[in-house]
Amino acid sequence: MLTHMNTATFPRRRAIAALGAALTLSFAALPAQAQAQAQAKGSVQIKHASGTTTVPVNPKKVIVLDATSLDNLAALDVAVAGVPTMSTTARPLPRQLARFDSAPKMGTLFEPDYEKIHAARPDLIIVGGRSQAKYAQLTKIAPTIDMTVDRTNLVASAKNNLTLLGGLFGKQARALELTRKLDTSIATLRTQSASAGTGLVILTTGGKMSAYGPGSRFGVLHDTFGIKPAVAKLDTSNHGQAISFEFIQKTNPDWLFVIDRDAAIGREGTAAARFLDNELVRQSNAWKNKRVVYLDGLNWYTLGSAGITALQENVDQLSRALGTAGR
């Protein structure tokens, strides 16, 4: 949610904000011309996952410590002044974020470099997901917003975040174009999934695996994309429910959707395809009918399946897989 505030400097914003809702207008509800006039006056209030923050409209120096927001800003063609490293090995940024690889590194997703961030004198800091815990500390440096996605309604929350950023940076038309395309693709996928049978999402890592069902971090596959769960109730904790090869055999899903965490984070380990190739898994309908889909770990795990590019690519991959099986 964006609301207009007629302020000039950060200290004054706090004072004017105290005057209350009578002095604010709904930014999103304004027509295009009025939006432009409101933006020209200085700053907006943004309601986000950790509160409400007054920030300058179209901030010029933005430090982003959230992979999902970087995905959205890349899709909106917005420049950033600082990014996190995505791993302890300081590998290049994921392909969707490659345009930001030369940007100064401001710590990691879990541990920001406060000195570098302070020295950069940002107009805005964006956190979310893995960096959400550092929100309070970062607000002492500059206006900070928390773009953590509500995973109980992932797609709606993801689209809302994209729309919010589009409004803040004057990219409303592009944001609308991207959300409309996503909605159309999801509608197509849901038509396909209605007759696809049951599915099970598993994550493999370090020679172990966990399963995820409705309401979990990867539950969007069932909750929004329409795949019927092979198991109705599974542990919805962040780490999922630990399972064995026997579990897959007994559950016998029509589709097996696999996220290889080791591959996603660049860690050495047994590839998921090799790990799953055993006598028990081979007895499942998914394996026998060649309906084992290796999901894009970058999109599902690293980017949390919540940036607009990651979401669109996930829907497209699933639609291709189900469409091929239907021929």
C-alpha atoms as a PDB file:
ATOM      1  CA  MET A   1       0.000   0.000   0.000  1.00  0.00           C
ATOM      2  CA  LEU A   2       1.378   3.423  -0.960  1.00  0.00           C
ATOM      3  CA  THR A   3       0.002   6.700   0.429  1.00  0.00           C
ATOM      4  CA  HIS A   4       1.170  10.183  -0.465  1.00  0.00           C
ATOM      5  CA  MET A   5       2.966  12.377   2.091  1.00  0.00           C
ATOM      6  CA  ASN A   6       3.930  15.965   1.227  1.00  0.00           C
ATOM      7  CA  THR A   7       7.328  16.072   2.961  1.00  0.00           C
ATOM      8  CA  ALA A   8      10.808  17.181   2.016  1.00  0.00           C
ATOM      9  CA  THR A   9      13.261  15.648   4.479  1.00  0.00           C
ATOM     10  CA  PHE A  10      13.364  12.469   6.538  1.00  0.00           C
ATOM     11  CA  PRO A  11      13.067  14.181   9.982  1.00  0.00           C
ATOM     12  CA  ARG A  12      10.033  16.163   8.792  1.00  0.00           C
ATOM     13  CA  ARG A  13       8.362  12.994   7.486  1.00  0.00           C
ATOM     14  CA  ARG A  14       8.095  11.571  10.995  1.00  0.00           C
ATOM     15  CA  ALA A  15       6.415  14.736  12.244  1.00  0.00           C
ATOM     16  CA  ILE A  16       3.987  15.004   9.368  1.00  0.00           C
ATOM     17  CA  ALA A  17       3.139  11.294   9.542  1.00  0.00           C
ATOM     18  CA  ALA A  18       1.809  11.910  13.054  1.00  0.00           C
ATOM     19  CA  LEU A  19      -0.920  14.124  11.616  1.00  0.00           C
ATOM     20  CA  GLY A  20      -2.663  10.922  10.571  1.00  0.00           C
ATOM     21  CA  ALA A  21      -4.690   9.585   7.705  1.00  0.00           C
ATOM     22  CA  ALA A  22      -6.451  12.889   7.080  1.00  0.00           C
ATOM     23  CA  LEU A  23      -3.365  14.150   5.292  1.00  0.00           C
ATOM     24  CA  THR A  24      -2.855  11.075   3.138  1.00  0.00           C
ATOM     25  CA  LEU A  25      -4.285   9.847  -0.135  1.00  0.00           C
ATOM     26  CA  SER A  26      -4.382   6.302  -1.467  1.00  0.00           C
ATOM     27  CA  PHE A  27      -1.541   6.245  -3.983  1.00  0.00           C
ATOM     28  CA  ALA A  28      -2.731   3.132  -5.779  1.00  0.00           C
ATOM     29  CA  ALA A  29      -6.234   4.534  -6.249  1.00  0.00           C
ATOM     30  CA  LEU A  30      -5.092   7.751  -7.916  1.00  0.00           C
ATOM     31  CA  PRO A  31      -5.353   8.144 -11.712  1.00  0.00           C
ATOM     32  CA  ALA A  32      -2.063   8.242 -13.611  1.00  0.00           C
ATOM     33  CA  GLN A  33      -1.824  12.043 -13.770  1.00  0.00           C
ATOM     34  CA  ALA A  34      -2.577  12.420 -10.063  1.00  0.00           C
ATOM     35  CA  GLN A  35      -0.026   9.715  -9.251  1.00  0.00           C
ATOM     36  CA  ALA A  36       2.626  11.646 -11.127  1.00  0.00           C
ATOM     37  CA  GLN A  37       1.733  14.836  -9.256  1.00  0.00           C
ATOM     38  CA  ALA A  38       1.815  13.005  -5.929  1.00  0.00           C
ATOM     39  CA  GLN A  39       5.197  11.462  -6.713  1.00  0.00           C
ATOM     40  CA  ALA A  40       6.625  14.850  -7.638  1.00  0.00           C
ATOM     41  CA  LYS A  41       5.888  16.152  -4.146  1.00  0.00           C
ATOM     42  CA  GLY A  42       8.427  13.982  -2.402  1.00  0.00           C
ATOM     43  CA  SER A  43       7.611  10.850  -0.438  1.00  0.00           C
ATOM     44  CA  VAL A  44       5.160   8.044   0.209  1.00  0.00           C
ATOM     45  CA  GLN A  45       4.231   5.816   3.100  1.00  0.00           C
ATOM     46  CA  ILE A  46       4.701   2.130   2.425  1.00  0.00           C
ATOM     47  CA  LYS A  47       2.908  -0.488   4.480  1.00  0.00           C
ATOM     48  CA  HIS A  48       5.020  -3.642   4.550  1.00  0.00           C
ATOM     49  CA  ALA A  49       5.573  -6.884   6.466  1.00  0.00           C
ATOM     50  CA  SER A  50       7.249  -5.193   9.456  1.00  0.00           C
ATOM     51  CA  GLY A  51       5.275  -1.950   9.685  1.00  0.00           C
ATOM     52  CA  THR A  52       4.895   1.311   7.783  1.00  0.00           C
ATOM     53  CA  THR A  53       7.813   3.418   6.525  1.00  0.00           C
ATOM     54  CA  THR A  54       7.988   6.813   4.845  1.00  0.00           C
ATOM     55  CA  VAL A  55      10.364   6.745   1.872  1.00  0.00           C
ATOM     56  CA  PRO A  56      11.236   9.107  -0.975  1.00  0.00           C
ATOM     57  CA  VAL A  57       9.414   8.461  -4.231  1.00  0.00           C
ATOM     58  CA  ASN A  58      11.626   6.901  -6.899  1.00  0.00           C
ATOM     59  CA  PRO A  59      14.648   6.628  -4.555  1.00  0.00           C
ATOM     60  CA  LYS A  60      17.942   6.916  -6.403  1.00  0.00           C
ATOM     61  CA  LYS A  61      20.244   4.906  -4.133  1.00  0.00           C
ATOM     62  CA  VAL A  62      18.666   1.601  -3.139  1.00  0.00           C
ATOM     63  CA  ILE A  63      20.355  -1.254  -1.289  1.00  0.00           C
ATOM     64  CA  VAL A  64      18.543  -4.583  -1.591  1.00  0.00           C
ATOM     65  CA  LEU A  65      19.174  -7.482   0.800  1.00  0.00           C
ATOM     66  CA  ASP A  66      16.382  -9.724  -0.495  1.00  0.00           C
ATOM     67  CA  ALA A  67      16.702 -12.057  -3.476  1.00  0.00           C
ATOM     68  CA  THR A  68      12.993 -11.949  -4.263  1.00  0.00           C
ATOM     69  CA  SER A  69      12.968  -8.141  -4.421  1.00  0.00           C
ATOM     70  CA  LEU A  70      16.036  -8.211  -6.647  1.00  0.00           C
ATOM     71  CA  ASP A  71      14.134 -10.531  -8.990  1.00  0.00           C
ATOM     72  CA  ASN A  72      11.249  -8.036  -9.097  1.00  0.00           C
ATOM     73  CA  LEU A  73      13.501  -4.998  -9.583  1.00  0.00           C
ATOM     74  CA  ALA A  74      15.354  -6.731 -12.409  1.00  0.00           C
ATOM     75  CA  ALA A  75      12.026  -7.418 -14.131  1.00  0.00           C
ATOM     76  CA  LEU A  76      11.025  -3.770 -13.626  1.00  0.00           C
ATOM     77  CA  ASP A  77      14.392  -2.532 -14.969  1.00  0.00           C
ATOM     78  CA  VAL A  78      15.291  -0.661 -11.764  1.00  0.00           C
ATOM     79  CA  ALA A  79      18.941  -0.045 -10.871  1.00  0.00           C
ATOM     80  CA  VAL A  80      20.274  -0.809  -7.377  1.00  0.00           C
ATOM     81  CA  ALA A  81      23.281   0.511  -5.464  1.00  0.00           C
ATOM     82  CA  GLY A  82      24.106  -2.553  -3.411  1.00  0.00           C
ATOM     83  CA  VAL A  83      23.266  -6.262  -3.195  1.00  0.00           C
ATOM     84  CA  PRO A  84      24.102  -9.227  -0.960  1.00  0.00           C
ATOM     85  CA  THR A  85      26.311 -12.154  -1.809  1.00  0.00           C
ATOM     86  CA  MET A  86      24.134 -15.238  -2.174  1.00  0.00           C
ATOM     87  CA  SER A  87      26.591 -17.740  -0.654  1.00  0.00           C
ATOM     88  CA  THR A  88      29.718 -17.982   1.464  1.00  0.00           C
ATOM     89  CA  THR A  89      31.700 -18.794  -1.683  1.00  0.00           C
ATOM     90  CA  ALA A  90      30.741 -15.424  -3.204  1.00  0.00           C
ATOM     91  CA  ARG A  91      29.578 -17.031  -6.440  1.00  0.00           C
ATOM     92  CA  PRO A  92      28.098 -14.789  -9.151  1.00  0.00           C
ATOM     93  CA  LEU A  93      24.472 -13.846  -8.641  1.00  0.00           C
ATOM     94  CA  PRO A  94      21.790 -16.168 -10.109  1.00  0.00           C
ATOM     95  CA  ARG A  95      21.005 -15.735 -13.800  1.00  0.00           C
ATOM     96  CA  GLN A  96      17.911 -13.563 -13.280  1.00  0.00           C
ATOM     97  CA  LEU A  97      19.976 -11.192 -11.160  1.00  0.00           C
ATOM     98  CA  ALA A  98      23.118 -11.183 -13.311  1.00  0.00           C
ATOM     99  CA  ARG A  99      22.617  -7.515 -14.216  1.00  0.00           C
ATOM    100  CA  PHE A 100      23.374  -6.660 -10.569  1.00  0.00           C
ATOM    101  CA  ASP A 101      26.535  -8.775 -10.275  1.00  0.00           C
ATOM    102  CA  SER A 102      28.838  -5.744 -10.543  1.00  0.00           C
ATOM    103  CA  ALA A 103      26.945  -3.830  -7.834  1.00  0.00           C
ATOM    104  CA  PRO A 104      28.803  -3.378  -4.514  1.00  0.00           C
ATOM    105  CA  LYS A 105      28.298  -6.284  -2.126  1.00  0.00           C
ATOM    106  CA  MET A 106      26.731  -5.309   1.194  1.00  0.00           C
ATOM    107  CA  GLY A 107      27.213  -8.488   3.209  1.00  0.00           C
ATOM    108  CA  THR A 108      25.095 -11.615   2.916  1.00  0.00           C
ATOM    109  CA  LEU A 109      21.380 -12.322   3.052  1.00  0.00           C
ATOM    110  CA  PHE A 110      21.808 -13.285   6.703  1.00  0.00           C
ATOM    111  CA  GLU A 111      24.543 -10.865   7.813  1.00  0.00           C
ATOM    112  CA  PRO A 112      24.487  -7.361   6.282  1.00  0.00           C
ATOM    113  CA  ASP A 113      27.692  -5.332   6.329  1.00  0.00           C
ATOM    114  CA  TYR A 114      26.394  -2.401   8.361  1.00  0.00           C
ATOM    115  CA  GLU A 115      29.507  -0.286   7.888  1.00  0.00           C
ATOM    116  CA  LYS A 116      29.363  -0.532   4.094  1.00  0.00           C
ATOM    117  CA  ILE A 117      25.645   0.154   4.059  1.00  0.00           C
ATOM    118  CA  HIS A 118      26.024   3.201   6.295  1.00  0.00           C
ATOM    119  CA  ALA A 119      28.896   4.535   4.170  1.00  0.00           C
ATOM    120  CA  ALA A 120      26.775   4.173   1.007  1.00  0.00           C
ATOM    121  CA  ARG A 121      24.189   6.643   2.420  1.00  0.00           C
ATOM    122  CA  PRO A 122      21.189   4.883   0.784  1.00  0.00           C
ATOM    123  CA  ASP A 123      17.806   6.501   0.223  1.00  0.00           C
ATOM    124  CA  LEU A 124      16.137   3.128   0.810  1.00  0.00           C
ATOM    125  CA  ILE A 125      17.016  -0.343   2.103  1.00  0.00           C
ATOM    126  CA  ILE A 126      14.905  -3.360   1.144  1.00  0.00           C
ATOM    127  CA  VAL A 127      14.926  -6.547   3.227  1.00  0.00           C
ATOM    128  CA  GLY A 128      12.803  -9.681   3.129  1.00  0.00           C
ATOM    129  CA  GLY A 129      12.848 -13.403   3.781  1.00  0.00           C
ATOM    130  CA  ARG A 130      16.289 -14.422   4.988  1.00  0.00           C
ATOM    131  CA  SER A 131      17.237 -10.818   5.871  1.00  0.00           C
ATOM    132  CA  GLN A 132      13.970  -9.961   7.632  1.00  0.00           C
ATOM    133  CA  ALA A 133      15.530 -10.452  11.079  1.00  0.00           C
ATOM    134  CA  LYS A 134      17.872  -7.497  10.431  1.00  0.00           C
ATOM    135  CA  TYR A 135      15.069  -5.027   9.713  1.00  0.00           C
ATOM    136  CA  ALA A 136      15.169  -3.182  13.049  1.00  0.00           C
ATOM    137  CA  GLN A 137      18.931  -2.652  12.928  1.00  0.00           C
ATOM    138  CA  LEU A 138      18.865  -1.393   9.346  1.00  0.00           C
ATOM    139  CA  THR A 139      16.144   1.173  10.083  1.00  0.00           C
ATOM    140  CA  LYS A 140      18.767   3.024  12.128  1.00  0.00           C
ATOM    141  CA  ILE A 141      20.718   3.656   8.915  1.00  0.00           C
ATOM    142  CA  ALA A 142      18.021   4.611   6.391  1.00  0.00           C
ATOM    143  CA  PRO A 143      14.312   4.106   5.606  1.00  0.00           C
ATOM    144  CA  THR A 144      13.837   0.339   5.347  1.00  0.00           C
ATOM    145  CA  ILE A 145      10.952  -1.756   4.024  1.00  0.00           C
ATOM    146  CA  ASP A 146      10.356  -5.466   4.533  1.00  0.00           C
ATOM    147  CA  MET A 147       9.164  -7.291   1.420  1.00  0.00           C
ATOM    148  CA  THR A 148       8.828 -10.720   3.057  1.00  0.00           C
ATOM    149  CA  VAL A 149       6.174 -12.681   1.175  1.00  0.00           C
ATOM    150  CA  ASP A 150       3.145 -14.112   2.967  1.00  0.00           C
ATOM    151  CA  ARG A 151       3.487 -17.784   2.080  1.00  0.00           C
ATOM    152  CA  THR A 152      -0.055 -18.591   3.168  1.00  0.00           C
ATOM    153  CA  ASN A 153      -1.125 -16.716   0.026  1.00  0.00           C
ATOM    154  CA  LEU A 154       2.107 -16.613  -1.938  1.00  0.00           C
ATOM    155  CA  VAL A 155       0.962 -15.531  -5.383  1.00  0.00           C
ATOM    156  CA  ALA A 156      -1.288 -12.715  -4.155  1.00  0.00           C
ATOM    157  CA  SER A 157       1.454 -11.471  -1.818  1.00  0.00           C
ATOM    158  CA  ALA A 158       4.086 -11.694  -4.557  1.00  0.00           C
ATOM    159  CA  LYS A 159       1.932  -9.721  -6.985  1.00  0.00           C
ATOM    160  CA  ASN A 160       1.221  -7.119  -4.323  1.00  0.00           C
ATOM    161  CA  ASN A 161       4.954  -6.640  -3.706  1.00  0.00           C
ATOM    162  CA  LEU A 162       5.622  -6.252  -7.419  1.00  0.00           C
ATOM    163  CA  THR A 163       2.795  -3.715  -7.743  1.00  0.00           C
ATOM    164  CA  LEU A 164       4.101  -1.785  -4.751  1.00  0.00           C
ATOM    165  CA  LEU A 165       7.618  -1.581  -6.177  1.00  0.00           C
ATOM    166  CA  GLY A 166       6.215  -0.668  -9.583  1.00  0.00           C
ATOM    167  CA  GLY A 167       4.379   2.271  -8.040  1.00  0.00           C
ATOM    168  CA  LEU A 168       7.382   3.399  -6.005  1.00  0.00           C
ATOM    169  CA  PHE A 169       9.706   3.444  -9.009  1.00  0.00           C
ATOM    170  CA  GLY A 170       7.243   4.675 -11.644  1.00  0.00           C
ATOM    171  CA  LYS A 171       6.989   1.267 -13.330  1.00  0.00           C
ATOM    172  CA  GLN A 172       3.258   0.677 -12.872  1.00  0.00           C
ATOM    173  CA  ALA A 173       2.599  -0.299 -16.481  1.00  0.00           C
ATOM    174  CA  ARG A 174       5.370  -2.905 -16.501  1.00  0.00           C
ATOM    175  CA  ALA A 175       4.193  -4.361 -13.181  1.00  0.00           C
ATOM    176  CA  LEU A 176       0.633  -4.652 -14.509  1.00  0.00           C
ATOM    177  CA  GLU A 177       1.856  -6.339 -17.694  1.00  0.00           C
ATOM    178  CA  LEU A 178       3.808  -8.925 -15.689  1.00  0.00           C
ATOM    179  CA  THR A 179       1.001  -9.712 -13.235  1.00  0.00           C
ATOM    180  CA  ARG A 180      -1.546 -10.123 -16.025  1.00  0.00           C
ATOM    181  CA  LYS A 181       0.742 -12.538 -17.850  1.00  0.00           C
ATOM    182  CA  LEU A 182       1.229 -14.544 -14.654  1.00  0.00           C
ATOM    183  CA  ASP A 183      -2.525 -14.724 -14.008  1.00  0.00           C
ATOM    184  CA  THR A 184      -3.164 -16.011 -17.533  1.00  0.00           C
ATOM    185  CA  SER A 185      -0.431 -18.645 -17.203  1.00  0.00           C
ATOM    186  CA  ILE A 186      -1.726 -19.858 -13.833  1.00  0.00           C
ATOM    187  CA  ALA A 187      -5.243 -20.211 -15.245  1.00  0.00           C
ATOM    188  CA  THR A 188      -3.858 -22.412 -18.031  1.00  0.00           C
ATOM    189  CA  LEU A 189      -1.844 -24.482 -15.554  1.00  0.00           C
ATOM    190  CA  ARG A 190      -4.859 -25.033 -13.317  1.00  0.00           C
ATOM    191  CA  THR A 191      -6.803 -26.369 -16.288  1.00  0.00           C
ATOM    192  CA  GLN A 192      -4.001 -28.844 -16.957  1.00  0.00           C
ATOM    193  CA  SER A 193      -3.547 -29.866 -13.326  1.00  0.00           C
ATOM    194  CA  ALA A 194      -7.267 -30.627 -12.853  1.00  0.00           C
ATOM    195  CA  SER A 195      -6.823 -33.970 -14.624  1.00  0.00           C
ATOM    196  CA  ALA A 196      -3.138 -34.605 -13.920  1.00  0.00           C
ATOM    197  CA  GLY A 197      -3.527 -36.875 -10.887  1.00  0.00           C
ATOM    198  CA  THR A 198      -1.651 -36.608  -7.605  1.00  0.00           C
ATOM    199  CA  GLY A 199       1.700 -34.992  -6.963  1.00  0.00           C
ATOM    200  CA  LEU A 200       4.376 -34.967  -4.254  1.00  0.00           C
ATOM    201  CA  VAL A 201       7.004 -32.265  -3.775  1.00  0.00           C
ATOM    202  CA  ILE A 202      10.313 -33.374  -2.277  1.00  0.00           C
ATOM    203  CA  LEU A 203      13.591 -31.614  -1.554  1.00  0.00           C
ATOM    204  CA  THR A 204      16.868 -33.556  -1.584  1.00  0.00           C
ATOM    205  CA  THR A 205      20.034 -32.420   0.195  1.00  0.00           C
ATOM    206  CA  GLY A 206      23.055 -34.112   1.700  1.00  0.00           C
ATOM    207  CA  GLY A 207      21.783 -37.618   1.024  1.00  0.00           C
ATOM    208  CA  LYS A 208      18.455 -36.944   2.740  1.00  0.00           C
ATOM    209  CA  MET A 209      15.043 -35.778   1.585  1.00  0.00           C
ATOM    210  CA  SER A 210      11.928 -34.042   2.886  1.00  0.00           C
ATOM    211  CA  ALA A 211       8.386 -33.833   1.549  1.00  0.00           C
ATOM    212  CA  TYR A 212       6.192 -30.722   1.404  1.00  0.00           C
ATOM    213  CA  GLY A 213       2.427 -30.494   1.091  1.00  0.00           C
ATOM    214  CA  PRO A 214      -0.341 -27.891   1.126  1.00  0.00           C
ATOM    215  CA  GLY A 215       0.380 -24.883   3.316  1.00  0.00           C
ATOM    216  CA  SER A 216       4.144 -25.429   3.250  1.00  0.00           C
ATOM    217  CA  ARG A 217       6.919 -23.277   1.791  1.00  0.00           C
ATOM    218  CA  PHE A 218       6.443 -25.078  -1.544  1.00  0.00           C
ATOM    219  CA  GLY A 219       2.708 -25.588  -1.075  1.00  0.00           C
ATOM    220  CA  VAL A 220       1.865 -23.140  -3.857  1.00  0.00           C
ATOM    221  CA  LEU A 221       2.108 -26.112  -6.215  1.00  0.00           C
ATOM    222  CA  HIS A 222      -1.038 -27.490  -4.572  1.00  0.00           C
ATOM    223  CA  ASP A 223      -2.691 -24.404  -3.081  1.00  0.00           C
ATOM    224  CA  THR A 224      -2.604 -22.220  -6.200  1.00  0.00           C
ATOM    225  CA  PHE A 225      -1.350 -24.277  -9.131  1.00  0.00           C
ATOM    226  CA  GLY A 226      -3.951 -26.966  -8.502  1.00  0.00           C
ATOM    227  CA  ILE A 227      -1.899 -30.186  -8.286  1.00  0.00           C
ATOM    228  CA  LYS A 228      -3.805 -32.666  -6.097  1.00  0.00           C
ATOM    229  CA  PRO A 229      -1.571 -33.628  -3.146  1.00  0.00           C
ATOM    230  CA  ALA A 230      -0.578 -37.275  -2.881  1.00  0.00           C
ATOM    231  CA  VAL A 231      -0.578 -36.789   0.909  1.00  0.00           C
ATOM    232  CA  ALA A 232      -3.123 -34.383   2.376  1.00  0.00           C
ATOM    233  CA  LYS A 233      -1.278 -33.620   5.596  1.00  0.00           C
ATOM    234  CA  LEU A 234       2.483 -33.192   5.942  1.00  0.00           C
ATOM    235  CA  ASP A 235       4.602 -31.204   8.373  1.00  0.00           C
ATOM    236  CA  THR A 236       4.423 -27.557   7.246  1.00  0.00           C
ATOM    237  CA  SER A 237       7.611 -26.445   9.002  1.00  0.00           C
ATOM    238  CA  ASN A 238      10.293 -24.754   6.930  1.00  0.00           C
ATOM    239  CA  HIS A 239      12.268 -28.003   6.684  1.00  0.00           C
ATOM    240  CA  GLY A 240       9.299 -30.104   5.640  1.00  0.00           C
ATOM    241  CA  GLN A 241       8.737 -33.706   6.717  1.00  0.00           C
ATOM    242  CA  ALA A 242      11.688 -36.091   6.574  1.00  0.00           C
ATOM    243  CA  ILE A 243      10.832 -39.085   4.415  1.00  0.00           C
ATOM    244  CA  SER A 244      12.364 -42.299   3.098  1.00  0.00           C
ATOM    245  CA  PHE A 245      12.300 -44.104  -0.235  1.00  0.00           C
ATOM    246  CA  GLU A 246       9.607 -46.358   1.262  1.00  0.00           C
ATOM    247  CA  PHE A 247       7.415 -43.295   1.790  1.00  0.00           C
ATOM    248  CA  ILE A 248       7.487 -42.542  -1.941  1.00  0.00           C
ATOM    249  CA  GLN A 249       6.726 -46.168  -2.763  1.00  0.00           C
ATOM    250  CA  LYS A 250       3.733 -46.299  -0.409  1.00  0.00           C
ATOM    251  CA  THR A 251       2.435 -42.829  -1.287  1.00  0.00           C
ATOM    252  CA  ASN A 252       2.756 -43.715  -4.973  1.00  0.00           C
ATOM    253  CA  PRO A 253       2.247 -40.243  -6.486  1.00  0.00           C
ATOM    254  CA  ASP A 254       1.351 -39.852 -10.145  1.00  0.00           C
ATOM    255  CA  TRP A 255       3.886 -37.012 -10.293  1.00  0.00           C
ATOM    256  CA  LEU A 256       7.075 -36.453  -8.325  1.00  0.00           C
ATOM    257  CA  PHE A 257       8.335 -32.869  -8.213  1.00  0.00           C
ATOM    258  CA  VAL A 258      11.949 -32.670  -7.065  1.00  0.00           C
ATOM    259  CA  ILE A 259      14.015 -29.738  -5.768  1.00  0.00           C
ATOM    260  CA  ASP A 260      17.754 -30.468  -5.612  1.00  0.00           C
ATOM    261  CA  ARG A 261      18.950 -28.107  -2.866  1.00  0.00           C
ATOM    262  CA  ASP A 262      22.628 -29.021  -3.242  1.00  0.00           C
ATOM    263  CA  ALA A 263      22.562 -28.065  -6.916  1.00  0.00           C
ATOM    264  CA  ALA A 264      20.657 -24.859  -6.122  1.00  0.00           C
ATOM    265  CA  ILE A 265      23.263 -23.608  -3.640  1.00  0.00           C
ATOM    266  CA  GLY A 266      26.293 -24.920  -5.509  1.00  0.00           C
ATOM    267  CA  ARG A 267      27.220 -27.529  -2.919  1.00  0.00           C
ATOM    268  CA  GLU A 268      28.799 -30.822  -3.887  1.00  0.00           C
ATOM    269  CA  GLY A 269      26.588 -33.840  -3.356  1.00  0.00           C
ATOM    270  CA  THR A 270      24.753 -36.651  -5.056  1.00  0.00           C
ATOM    271  CA  ALA A 271      22.520 -35.317  -7.815  1.00  0.00           C
ATOM    272  CA  ALA A 272      18.826 -35.780  -7.078  1.00  0.00           C
ATOM    273  CA  ALA A 273      18.260 -37.866 -10.218  1.00  0.00           C
ATOM    274  CA  ARG A 274      20.931 -40.335  -9.145  1.00  0.00           C
ATOM    275  CA  PHE A 275      19.862 -40.302  -5.495  1.00  0.00           C
ATOM    276  CA  LEU A 276      16.271 -41.225  -6.378  1.00  0.00           C
ATOM    277  CA  ASP A 277      17.176 -43.961  -8.841  1.00  0.00           C
ATOM    278  CA  ASN A 278      16.583 -46.973  -6.626  1.00  0.00           C
ATOM    279  CA  GLU A 279      14.317 -50.021  -6.543  1.00  0.00           C
ATOM    280  CA  LEU A 280      11.648 -48.553  -4.252  1.00  0.00           C
ATOM    281  CA  VAL A 281      11.179 -45.244  -6.081  1.00  0.00           C
ATOM    282  CA  ARG A 282      11.124 -47.084  -9.407  1.00  0.00           C
ATOM    283  CA  GLN A 283       7.925 -48.821  -8.263  1.00  0.00           C
ATOM    284  CA  SER A 284       5.993 -45.533  -8.090  1.00  0.00           C
ATOM    285  CA  ASN A 285       3.622 -44.461 -10.840  1.00  0.00           C
ATOM    286  CA  ALA A 286       5.591 -41.241 -11.251  1.00  0.00           C
ATOM    287  CA  TRP A 287       8.810 -43.074 -12.045  1.00  0.00           C
ATOM    288  CA  LYS A 288       7.233 -45.785 -14.193  1.00  0.00           C
ATOM    289  CA  ASN A 289       5.375 -43.201 -16.302  1.00  0.00           C
ATOM    290  CA  LYS A 290       8.376 -40.868 -16.529  1.00  0.00           C
ATOM    291  CA  ARG A 291       6.612 -38.148 -14.590  1.00  0.00           C
ATOM    292  CA  VAL A 292       9.469 -37.092 -12.346  1.00  0.00           C
ATOM    293  CA  VAL A 293       9.979 -33.341 -12.775  1.00  0.00           C
ATOM    294  CA  TYR A 294      13.219 -31.770 -11.548  1.00  0.00           C
ATOM    295  CA  LEU A 295      12.125 -28.288 -10.602  1.00  0.00           C
ATOM    296  CA  ASP A 296      14.389 -25.287 -11.086  1.00  0.00           C
ATOM    297  CA  GLY A 297      16.145 -25.120  -7.698  1.00  0.00           C
ATOM    298  CA  LEU A 298      17.235 -21.536  -8.261  1.00  0.00           C
ATOM    299  CA  ASN A 299      13.639 -20.396  -8.653  1.00  0.00           C
ATOM    300  CA  TRP A 300      12.046 -22.616  -6.022  1.00  0.00           C
ATOM    301  CA  TYR A 301      14.723 -22.561  -3.335  1.00  0.00           C
ATOM    302  CA  THR A 302      17.176 -19.680  -3.785  1.00  0.00           C
ATOM    303  CA  LEU A 303      14.590 -17.126  -4.953  1.00  0.00           C
ATOM    304  CA  GLY A 304      11.768 -18.626  -2.892  1.00  0.00           C
ATOM    305  CA  SER A 305       9.396 -18.914  -5.860  1.00  0.00           C
ATOM    306  CA  ALA A 306       8.145 -15.402  -5.057  1.00  0.00           C
ATOM    307  CA  GLY A 307       9.851 -13.002  -7.461  1.00  0.00           C
ATOM    308  CA  ILE A 308       7.890 -12.384 -10.638  1.00  0.00           C
ATOM    309  CA  THR A 309      10.481 -13.980 -12.942  1.00  0.00           C
ATOM    310  CA  ALA A 310      10.875 -17.028 -10.711  1.00  0.00           C
ATOM    311  CA  LEU A 311       7.107 -17.439 -10.427  1.00  0.00           C
ATOM    312  CA  GLN A 312       6.514 -17.104 -14.158  1.00  0.00           C
ATOM    313  CA  GLU A 313       9.270 -19.584 -15.000  1.00  0.00           C
ATOM    314  CA  ASN A 314       7.934 -22.058 -12.423  1.00  0.00           C
ATOM    315  CA  VAL A 315       4.435 -21.913 -13.887  1.00  0.00           C
ATOM    316  CA  ASP A 316       5.814 -22.268 -17.410  1.00  0.00           C
ATOM    317  CA  GLN A 317       7.952 -25.293 -16.463  1.00  0.00           C
ATOM    318  CA  LEU A 318       5.023 -27.055 -14.802  1.00  0.00           C
ATOM    319  CA  SER A 319       2.723 -26.267 -17.705  1.00  0.00           C
ATOM    320  CA  ARG A 320       5.220 -27.724 -20.178  1.00  0.00           C
ATOM    321  CA  ALA A 321       5.618 -30.877 -18.082  1.00  0.00           C
ATOM    322  CA  LEU A 322       1.883 -31.485 -17.699  1.00  0.00           C
ATOM    323  CA  GLY A 323       1.222 -30.564 -21.321  1.00  0.00           C
ATOM    324  CA  THR A 324       3.816 -33.028 -22.616  1.00  0.00           C
ATOM    325  CA  ALA A 325       2.380 -35.840 -20.484  1.00  0.00           C
ATOM    326  CA  GLY A 326      -1.102 -35.140 -21.829  1.00  0.00           C
ATOM    327  CA  ARG A 327      -0.127 -35.793 -25.447  1.00  0.00           C
END
